[in-house]
PDB file of all heavy atoms in Angstrom:
ATOM      1  N   GLU A   1      86.872  53.562 101.590  1.00  0.00           N
ATOM      2  CA  GLU A   1      87.758  54.697 101.456  1.00  0.00           C
ATOM      3  C   GLU A   1      89.137  54.404 102.037  1.00  0.00           C
ATOM      4  O   GLU A   1      90.180  54.816 101.519  1.00  0.00           O
ATOM      5  CB  GLU A   1      87.135  55.922 102.155  1.00  0.00           C
ATOM      6  CG  GLU A   1      85.987  56.505 101.371  1.00  0.00           C
ATOM      7  CD  GLU A   1      86.356  56.928  99.965  1.00  0.00           C
ATOM      8  OE1 GLU A   1      87.418  57.564  99.749  1.00  0.00           O
ATOM      9  OE2 GLU A   1      85.570  56.598  99.044  1.00  0.00           O
ATOM     10  N   LYS A   2      89.127  53.672 103.173  1.00  0.00           N
ATOM     11  CA  LYS A   2      90.440  53.290 103.727  1.00  0.00           C
ATOM     12  C   LYS A   2      91.219  52.384 102.817  1.00  0.00           C
ATOM     13  O   LYS A   2      92.405  52.520 102.633  1.00  0.00           O
ATOM     14  CB  LYS A   2      90.135  52.599 105.087  1.00  0.00           C
ATOM     15  CG  LYS A   2      91.413  52.191 105.807  1.00  0.00           C
ATOM     16  CD  LYS A   2      91.115  51.426 107.090  1.00  0.00           C
ATOM     17  CE  LYS A   2      92.389  50.982 107.795  1.00  0.00           C
ATOM     18  NZ  LYS A   2      92.114  50.270 109.070  1.00  0.00           N
ATOM     19  N   ALA A   3      90.527  51.387 102.211  1.00  0.00           N
ATOM     20  CA  ALA A   3      91.185  50.479 101.279  1.00  0.00           C
ATOM     21  C   ALA A   3      91.678  51.248 100.030  1.00  0.00           C
ATOM     22  O   ALA A   3      92.714  50.915  99.467  1.00  0.00           O
ATOM     23  CB  ALA A   3      90.231  49.351 100.898  1.00  0.00           C
ATOM     24  N   ARG A   4      90.951  52.248  99.612  1.00  0.00           N
ATOM     25  CA  ARG A   4      91.296  52.992  98.434  1.00  0.00           C
ATOM     26  C   ARG A   4      92.617  53.748  98.570  1.00  0.00           C
ATOM     27  O   ARG A   4      93.340  53.992  97.614  1.00  0.00           O
ATOM     28  CB  ARG A   4      90.159  53.944  98.080  1.00  0.00           C
ATOM     29  CG  ARG A   4      90.256  54.529  96.687  1.00  0.00           C
ATOM     30  CD  ARG A   4      88.996  55.252  96.293  1.00  0.00           C
ATOM     31  NE  ARG A   4      88.850  56.472  97.075  1.00  0.00           N
ATOM     32  CZ  ARG A   4      89.346  57.654  96.625  1.00  0.00           C
ATOM     33  NH1 ARG A   4      90.044  57.705  95.516  1.00  0.00           N
ATOM     34  NH2 ARG A   4      89.164  58.742  97.329  1.00  0.00           N
ATOM     35  N   ARG A   5      92.926  54.132  99.805  1.00  0.00           N
ATOM     36  CA  ARG A   5      94.208  54.878 100.031  1.00  0.00           C
ATOM     37  C   ARG A   5      95.408  54.038  99.708  1.00  0.00           C
ATOM     38  O   ARG A   5      96.442  54.554  99.278  1.00  0.00           O
ATOM     39  CB  ARG A   5      94.269  55.342 101.476  1.00  0.00           C
ATOM     40  CG  ARG A   5      93.218  56.321 101.920  1.00  0.00           C
ATOM     41  CD  ARG A   5      93.466  56.941 103.239  1.00  0.00           C
ATOM     42  NE  ARG A   5      92.290  57.550 103.815  1.00  0.00           N
ATOM     43  CZ  ARG A   5      91.536  57.094 104.803  1.00  0.00           C
ATOM     44  NH1 ARG A   5      91.870  55.935 105.360  1.00  0.00           N
ATOM     45  NH2 ARG A   5      90.476  57.724 105.229  1.00  0.00           N
ATOM     46  N   ASP A   6      95.319  52.751  99.911  1.00  0.00           N
ATOM     47  CA  ASP A   6      96.428  51.797  99.661  1.00  0.00           C
ATOM     48  C   ASP A   6      96.330  51.066  98.320  1.00  0.00           C
ATOM     49  O   ASP A   6      97.202  50.282  98.002  1.00  0.00           O
ATOM     50  CB  ASP A   6      96.519  50.843 100.774  1.00  0.00           C
ATOM     51  CG  ASP A   6      96.745  51.511 102.156  1.00  0.00           C
ATOM     52  OD1 ASP A   6      97.507  52.521 102.185  1.00  0.00           O
ATOM     53  OD2 ASP A   6      96.183  50.972 103.158  1.00  0.00           O
ATOM     54  N   TRP A   7      95.226  51.276  97.594  1.00  0.00           N
ATOM     55  CA  TRP A   7      94.984  50.518  96.377  1.00  0.00           C
ATOM     56  C   TRP A   7      94.528  51.497  95.352  1.00  0.00           C
ATOM     57  O   TRP A   7      93.296  51.805  95.203  1.00  0.00           O
ATOM     58  CB  TRP A   7      93.956  49.462  96.647  1.00  0.00           C
ATOM     59  CG  TRP A   7      93.890  48.389  95.586  1.00  0.00           C
ATOM     60  CD1 TRP A   7      94.694  48.294  94.469  1.00  0.00           C
ATOM     61  CD2 TRP A   7      92.989  47.320  95.489  1.00  0.00           C
ATOM     62  NE1 TRP A   7      94.367  47.176  93.680  1.00  0.00           N
ATOM     63  CE2 TRP A   7      93.269  46.545  94.295  1.00  0.00           C
ATOM     64  CE3 TRP A   7      91.916  46.901  96.264  1.00  0.00           C
ATOM     65  CZ2 TRP A   7      92.589  45.458  93.920  1.00  0.00           C
ATOM     66  CZ3 TRP A   7      91.201  45.762  95.917  1.00  0.00           C
ATOM     67  CH2 TRP A   7      91.519  45.027  94.737  1.00  0.00           C
ATOM     68  N   ALA A   8      95.434  52.008  94.511  1.00  0.00           N
ATOM     69  CA  ALA A   8      95.095  53.067  93.560  1.00  0.00           C
ATOM     70  C   ALA A   8      94.079  52.576  92.481  1.00  0.00           C
ATOM     71  O   ALA A   8      93.348  53.400  91.936  1.00  0.00           O
ATOM     72  CB  ALA A   8      96.383  53.503  92.856  1.00  0.00           C
ATOM     73  N   GLU A   9      94.042  51.275  92.224  1.00  0.00           N
ATOM     74  CA  GLU A   9      93.150  50.760  91.224  1.00  0.00           C
ATOM     75  C   GLU A   9      91.688  50.614  91.717  1.00  0.00           C
ATOM     76  O   GLU A   9      90.806  50.242  90.914  1.00  0.00           O
ATOM     77  CB  GLU A   9      93.651  49.400  90.709  1.00  0.00           C
ATOM     78  CG  GLU A   9      94.899  49.404  89.883  1.00  0.00           C
ATOM     79  CD  GLU A   9      96.171  49.491  90.779  1.00  0.00           C
ATOM     80  OE1 GLU A   9      95.999  49.445  91.997  1.00  0.00           O
ATOM     81  OE2 GLU A   9      97.253  49.645  90.185  1.00  0.00           O
ATOM     82  N   LEU A  10      91.459  50.851  92.976  1.00  0.00           N
ATOM     83  CA  LEU A  10      90.140  50.727  93.531  1.00  0.00           C
ATOM     84  C   LEU A  10      89.309  52.015  93.297  1.00  0.00           C
ATOM     85  O   LEU A  10      89.746  53.084  93.672  1.00  0.00           O
ATOM     86  CB  LEU A  10      90.190  50.408  95.043  1.00  0.00           C
ATOM     87  CG  LEU A  10      88.893  50.261  95.741  1.00  0.00           C
ATOM     88  CD1 LEU A  10      88.035  49.142  95.190  1.00  0.00           C
ATOM     89  CD2 LEU A  10      89.127  50.025  97.264  1.00  0.00           C
ATOM     90  N   ARG A  11      88.168  51.852  92.684  1.00  0.00           N
ATOM     91  CA  ARG A  11      87.251  52.973  92.447  1.00  0.00           C
ATOM     92  C   ARG A  11      85.967  52.721  93.209  1.00  0.00           C
ATOM     93  O   ARG A  11      85.393  51.630  93.125  1.00  0.00           O
ATOM     94  CB  ARG A  11      86.995  53.066  90.961  1.00  0.00           C
ATOM     95  CG  ARG A  11      85.989  54.194  90.571  1.00  0.00           C
ATOM     96  CD  ARG A  11      85.808  54.204  89.054  1.00  0.00           C
ATOM     97  NE  ARG A  11      84.923  55.300  88.613  1.00  0.00           N
ATOM     98  CZ  ARG A  11      84.635  55.503  87.313  1.00  0.00           C
ATOM     99  NH1 ARG A  11      85.056  54.735  86.380  1.00  0.00           N
ATOM    100  NH2 ARG A  11      83.828  56.521  87.008  1.00  0.00           N
ATOM    101  N   VAL A  12      85.510  53.705  93.939  1.00  0.00           N
ATOM    102  CA  VAL A  12      84.309  53.542  94.761  1.00  0.00           C
ATOM    103  C   VAL A  12      83.208  54.443  94.208  1.00  0.00           C
ATOM    104  O   VAL A  12      83.359  55.631  94.056  1.00  0.00           O
ATOM    105  CB  VAL A  12      84.577  53.918  96.208  1.00  0.00           C
ATOM    106  CG1 VAL A  12      83.312  53.800  97.063  1.00  0.00           C
ATOM    107  CG2 VAL A  12      85.685  53.007  96.828  1.00  0.00           C
ATOM    108  N   ILE A  13      82.037  53.844  93.973  1.00  0.00           N
ATOM    109  CA  ILE A  13      80.874  54.549  93.539  1.00  0.00           C
ATOM    110  C   ILE A  13      79.787  54.311  94.615  1.00  0.00           C
ATOM    111  O   ILE A  13      79.531  53.134  94.954  1.00  0.00           O
ATOM    112  CB  ILE A  13      80.394  54.064  92.171  1.00  0.00           C
ATOM    113  CG1 ILE A  13      81.437  54.318  91.097  1.00  0.00           C
ATOM    114  CG2 ILE A  13      79.037  54.687  91.783  1.00  0.00           C
ATOM    115  CD1 ILE A  13      81.139  53.789  89.745  1.00  0.00           C
ATOM    116  N   ARG A  14      79.198  55.348  95.083  1.00  0.00           N
ATOM    117  CA  ARG A  14      78.244  55.273  96.165  1.00  0.00           C
ATOM    118  C   ARG A  14      76.854  55.732  95.637  1.00  0.00           C
ATOM    119  O   ARG A  14      76.728  56.826  95.095  1.00  0.00           O
ATOM    120  CB  ARG A  14      78.658  56.098  97.362  1.00  0.00           C
ATOM    121  CG  ARG A  14      77.818  55.820  98.626  1.00  0.00           C
ATOM    122  CD  ARG A  14      78.354  56.573  99.816  1.00  0.00           C
ATOM    123  NE  ARG A  14      79.826  56.292  99.947  1.00  0.00           N
ATOM    124  CZ  ARG A  14      80.712  57.190 100.204  1.00  0.00           C
ATOM    125  NH1 ARG A  14      80.407  58.476 100.305  1.00  0.00           N
ATOM    126  NH2 ARG A  14      81.995  56.835 100.328  1.00  0.00           N
ATOM    127  N   LEU A  15      75.828  54.851  95.810  1.00  0.00           N
ATOM    128  CA  LEU A  15      74.476  55.224  95.416  1.00  0.00           C
ATOM    129  C   LEU A  15      73.825  55.985  96.525  1.00  0.00           C
ATOM    130  O   LEU A  15      74.101  55.753  97.725  1.00  0.00           O
ATOM    131  CB  LEU A  15      73.677  54.014  95.056  1.00  0.00           C
ATOM    132  CG  LEU A  15      74.268  53.085  93.975  1.00  0.00           C
ATOM    133  CD1 LEU A  15      73.255  51.986  93.584  1.00  0.00           C
ATOM    134  CD2 LEU A  15      74.682  53.901  92.729  1.00  0.00           C
ATOM    135  N   ARG A  16      72.885  56.854  96.240  1.00  0.00           N
ATOM    136  CA  ARG A  16      72.287  57.693  97.267  1.00  0.00           C
ATOM    137  C   ARG A  16      71.332  56.848  98.144  1.00  0.00           C
ATOM    138  O   ARG A  16      71.086  57.204  99.319  1.00  0.00           O
ATOM    139  CB  ARG A  16      71.443  58.784  96.616  1.00  0.00           C
ATOM    140  CG  ARG A  16      72.317  59.833  95.954  1.00  0.00           C
ATOM    141  CD  ARG A  16      71.480  61.095  95.520  1.00  0.00           C
ATOM    142  NE  ARG A  16      72.383  62.067  94.912  1.00  0.00           N
ATOM    143  CZ  ARG A  16      73.064  62.937  95.629  1.00  0.00           C
ATOM    144  NH1 ARG A  16      73.015  62.939  96.944  1.00  0.00           N
ATOM    145  NH2 ARG A  16      73.855  63.849  95.022  1.00  0.00           N
ATOM    146  N   ALA A  17      70.761  55.791  97.614  1.00  0.00           N
ATOM    147  CA  ALA A  17      69.849  54.914  98.392  1.00  0.00           C
ATOM    148  C   ALA A  17      70.011  53.501  97.843  1.00  0.00           C
ATOM    149  O   ALA A  17      70.456  53.281  96.737  1.00  0.00           O
ATOM    150  CB  ALA A  17      68.416  55.427  98.291  1.00  0.00           C
ATOM    151  N   ASN A  18      69.581  52.550  98.673  1.00  0.00           N
ATOM    152  CA  ASN A  18      69.639  51.147  98.254  1.00  0.00           C
ATOM    153  C   ASN A  18      68.732  50.941  97.029  1.00  0.00           C
ATOM    154  O   ASN A  18      67.532  51.191  97.112  1.00  0.00           O
ATOM    155  CB  ASN A  18      69.211  50.269  99.437  1.00  0.00           C
ATOM    156  CG  ASN A  18      69.198  48.790  99.012  1.00  0.00           C
ATOM    157  OD1 ASN A  18      68.186  48.176  98.881  1.00  0.00           O
ATOM    158  ND2 ASN A  18      70.366  48.249  98.829  1.00  0.00           N
ATOM    159  N   ALA A  19      69.313  50.541  95.927  1.00  0.00           N
ATOM    160  CA  ALA A  19      68.539  50.355  94.668  1.00  0.00           C
ATOM    161  C   ALA A  19      68.389  48.917  94.322  1.00  0.00           C
ATOM    162  O   ALA A  19      67.661  48.584  93.376  1.00  0.00           O
ATOM    163  CB  ALA A  19      69.228  51.104  93.540  1.00  0.00           C
ATOM    164  N   GLY A  20      69.104  48.000  95.019  1.00  0.00           N
ATOM    165  CA  GLY A  20      68.981  46.553  94.693  1.00  0.00           C
ATOM    166  C   GLY A  20      70.243  46.060  93.980  1.00  0.00           C
ATOM    167  O   GLY A  20      70.998  46.830  93.397  1.00  0.00           O
ATOM    168  N   HIS A  21      70.416  44.764  94.076  1.00  0.00           N
ATOM    169  CA  HIS A  21      71.616  44.103  93.575  1.00  0.00           C
ATOM    170  C   HIS A  21      71.793  44.356  92.068  1.00  0.00           C
ATOM    171  O   HIS A  21      72.879  44.680  91.587  1.00  0.00           O
ATOM    172  CB  HIS A  21      71.544  42.649  93.897  1.00  0.00           C
ATOM    173  CG  HIS A  21      72.782  41.862  93.456  1.00  0.00           C
ATOM    174  ND1 HIS A  21      72.815  41.153  92.298  1.00  0.00           N
ATOM    175  CD2 HIS A  21      74.008  41.691  94.041  1.00  0.00           C
ATOM    176  CE1 HIS A  21      73.998  40.557  92.204  1.00  0.00           C
ATOM    177  NE2 HIS A  21      74.767  40.882  93.233  1.00  0.00           N
ATOM    178  N   GLN A  22      70.705  44.108  91.277  1.00  0.00           N
ATOM    179  CA  GLN A  22      70.797  44.275  89.852  1.00  0.00           C
ATOM    180  C   GLN A  22      71.048  45.685  89.406  1.00  0.00           C
ATOM    181  O   GLN A  22      71.794  45.976  88.447  1.00  0.00           O
ATOM    182  CB  GLN A  22      69.570  43.702  89.177  1.00  0.00           C
ATOM    183  CG  GLN A  22      69.290  42.275  89.397  1.00  0.00           C
ATOM    184  CD  GLN A  22      70.400  41.348  88.901  1.00  0.00           C
ATOM    185  OE1 GLN A  22      70.742  41.425  87.681  1.00  0.00           O
ATOM    186  NE2 GLN A  22      70.981  40.543  89.727  1.00  0.00           N
ATOM    187  N   ALA A  23      70.448  46.645  90.116  1.00  0.00           N
ATOM    188  CA  ALA A  23      70.654  48.053  89.791  1.00  0.00           C
ATOM    189  C   ALA A  23      72.112  48.451  90.087  1.00  0.00           C
ATOM    190  O   ALA A  23      72.714  49.221  89.360  1.00  0.00           O
ATOM    191  CB  ALA A  23      69.678  48.936  90.580  1.00  0.00           C
ATOM    192  N   ALA A  24      72.671  47.965  91.183  1.00  0.00           N
ATOM    193  CA  ALA A  24      74.068  48.257  91.556  1.00  0.00           C
ATOM    194  C   ALA A  24      74.982  47.685  90.519  1.00  0.00           C
ATOM    195  O   ALA A  24      75.997  48.336  90.142  1.00  0.00           O
ATOM    196  CB  ALA A  24      74.374  47.736  92.938  1.00  0.00           C
ATOM    197  N   LEU A  25      74.721  46.470  90.102  1.00  0.00           N
ATOM    198  CA  LEU A  25      75.517  45.876  88.997  1.00  0.00           C
ATOM    199  C   LEU A  25      75.457  46.767  87.696  1.00  0.00           C
ATOM    200  O   LEU A  25      76.498  47.016  87.069  1.00  0.00           O
ATOM    201  CB  LEU A  25      75.050  44.491  88.654  1.00  0.00           C
ATOM    202  CG  LEU A  25      75.584  43.359  89.520  1.00  0.00           C
ATOM    203  CD1 LEU A  25      74.904  42.006  89.152  1.00  0.00           C
ATOM    204  CD2 LEU A  25      77.085  43.194  89.446  1.00  0.00           C
ATOM    205  N   SER A  26      74.265  47.224  87.379  1.00  0.00           N
ATOM    206  CA  SER A  26      74.095  48.053  86.220  1.00  0.00           C
ATOM    207  C   SER A  26      74.851  49.351  86.322  1.00  0.00           C
ATOM    208  O   SER A  26      75.433  49.802  85.368  1.00  0.00           O
ATOM    209  CB  SER A  26      72.592  48.339  85.989  1.00  0.00           C
ATOM    210  OG  SER A  26      71.852  47.146  85.756  1.00  0.00           O
ATOM    211  N   ALA A  27      74.855  49.920  87.537  1.00  0.00           N
ATOM    212  CA  ALA A  27      75.637  51.175  87.734  1.00  0.00           C
ATOM    213  C   ALA A  27      77.084  50.932  87.548  1.00  0.00           C
ATOM    214  O   ALA A  27      77.809  51.768  86.926  1.00  0.00           O
ATOM    215  CB  ALA A  27      75.368  51.697  89.162  1.00  0.00           C
ATOM    216  N   GLY A  28      77.610  49.788  87.998  1.00  0.00           N
ATOM    217  CA  GLY A  28      78.995  49.466  87.805  1.00  0.00           C
ATOM    218  C   GLY A  28      79.359  49.278  86.357  1.00  0.00           C
ATOM    219  O   GLY A  28      80.408  49.680  85.849  1.00  0.00           O
ATOM    220  N   LEU A  29      78.475  48.552  85.645  1.00  0.00           N
ATOM    221  CA  LEU A  29      78.738  48.324  84.190  1.00  0.00           C
ATOM    222  C   LEU A  29      78.746  49.600  83.400  1.00  0.00           C
ATOM    223  O   LEU A  29      79.501  49.754  82.438  1.00  0.00           O
ATOM    224  CB  LEU A  29      77.681  47.377  83.649  1.00  0.00           C
ATOM    225  CG  LEU A  29      77.691  45.913  84.156  1.00  0.00           C
ATOM    226  CD1 LEU A  29      76.565  45.129  83.533  1.00  0.00           C
ATOM    227  CD2 LEU A  29      79.033  45.262  83.900  1.00  0.00           C
ATOM    228  N   MET A  30      77.926  50.563  83.765  1.00  0.00           N
ATOM    229  CA  MET A  30      77.904  51.843  83.077  1.00  0.00           C
ATOM    230  C   MET A  30      79.186  52.601  83.269  1.00  0.00           C
ATOM    231  O   MET A  30      79.586  53.359  82.386  1.00  0.00           O
ATOM    232  CB  MET A  30      76.737  52.692  83.595  1.00  0.00           C
ATOM    233  CG  MET A  30      75.356  52.245  83.112  1.00  0.00           C
ATOM    234  SD  MET A  30      75.138  52.364  81.343  1.00  0.00           S
ATOM    235  CE  MET A  30      75.234  54.157  81.127  1.00  0.00           C
ATOM    236  N   ARG A  31      79.890  52.406  84.402  1.00  0.00           N
ATOM    237  CA  ARG A  31      81.131  53.186  84.668  1.00  0.00           C
ATOM    238  C   ARG A  31      82.382  52.374  84.444  1.00  0.00           C
ATOM    239  O   ARG A  31      83.467  52.959  84.397  1.00  0.00           O
ATOM    240  CB  ARG A  31      81.043  53.620  86.141  1.00  0.00           C
ATOM    241  CG  ARG A  31      79.853  54.538  86.468  1.00  0.00           C
ATOM    242  CD  ARG A  31      80.214  55.914  86.676  1.00  0.00           C
ATOM    243  NE  ARG A  31      79.093  56.825  86.710  1.00  0.00           N
ATOM    244  CZ  ARG A  31      79.091  58.058  87.158  1.00  0.00           C
ATOM    245  NH1 ARG A  31      80.242  58.500  87.747  1.00  0.00           N
ATOM    246  NH2 ARG A  31      78.049  58.803  87.152  1.00  0.00           N
ATOM    247  N   ALA A  32      82.313  51.084  84.266  1.00  0.00           N
ATOM    248  CA  ALA A  32      83.514  50.289  84.002  1.00  0.00           C
ATOM    249  C   ALA A  32      84.051  50.633  82.656  1.00  0.00           C
ATOM    250  O   ALA A  32      83.312  50.780  81.667  1.00  0.00           O
ATOM    251  CB  ALA A  32      83.185  48.798  84.121  1.00  0.00           C
TER     252      ALA A  32
END
C-alpha cells in the first residue's frame, strides 16, 4: 500500500487466505 501511493500503475489484490503460488498466479491472470 505504501508503494502504491507513489506508483499509480501498481494494483494490489489481496487473497483472504494463503491459496498457493499457482492459485495466486491464476487470480492475477483473471484480473490482468
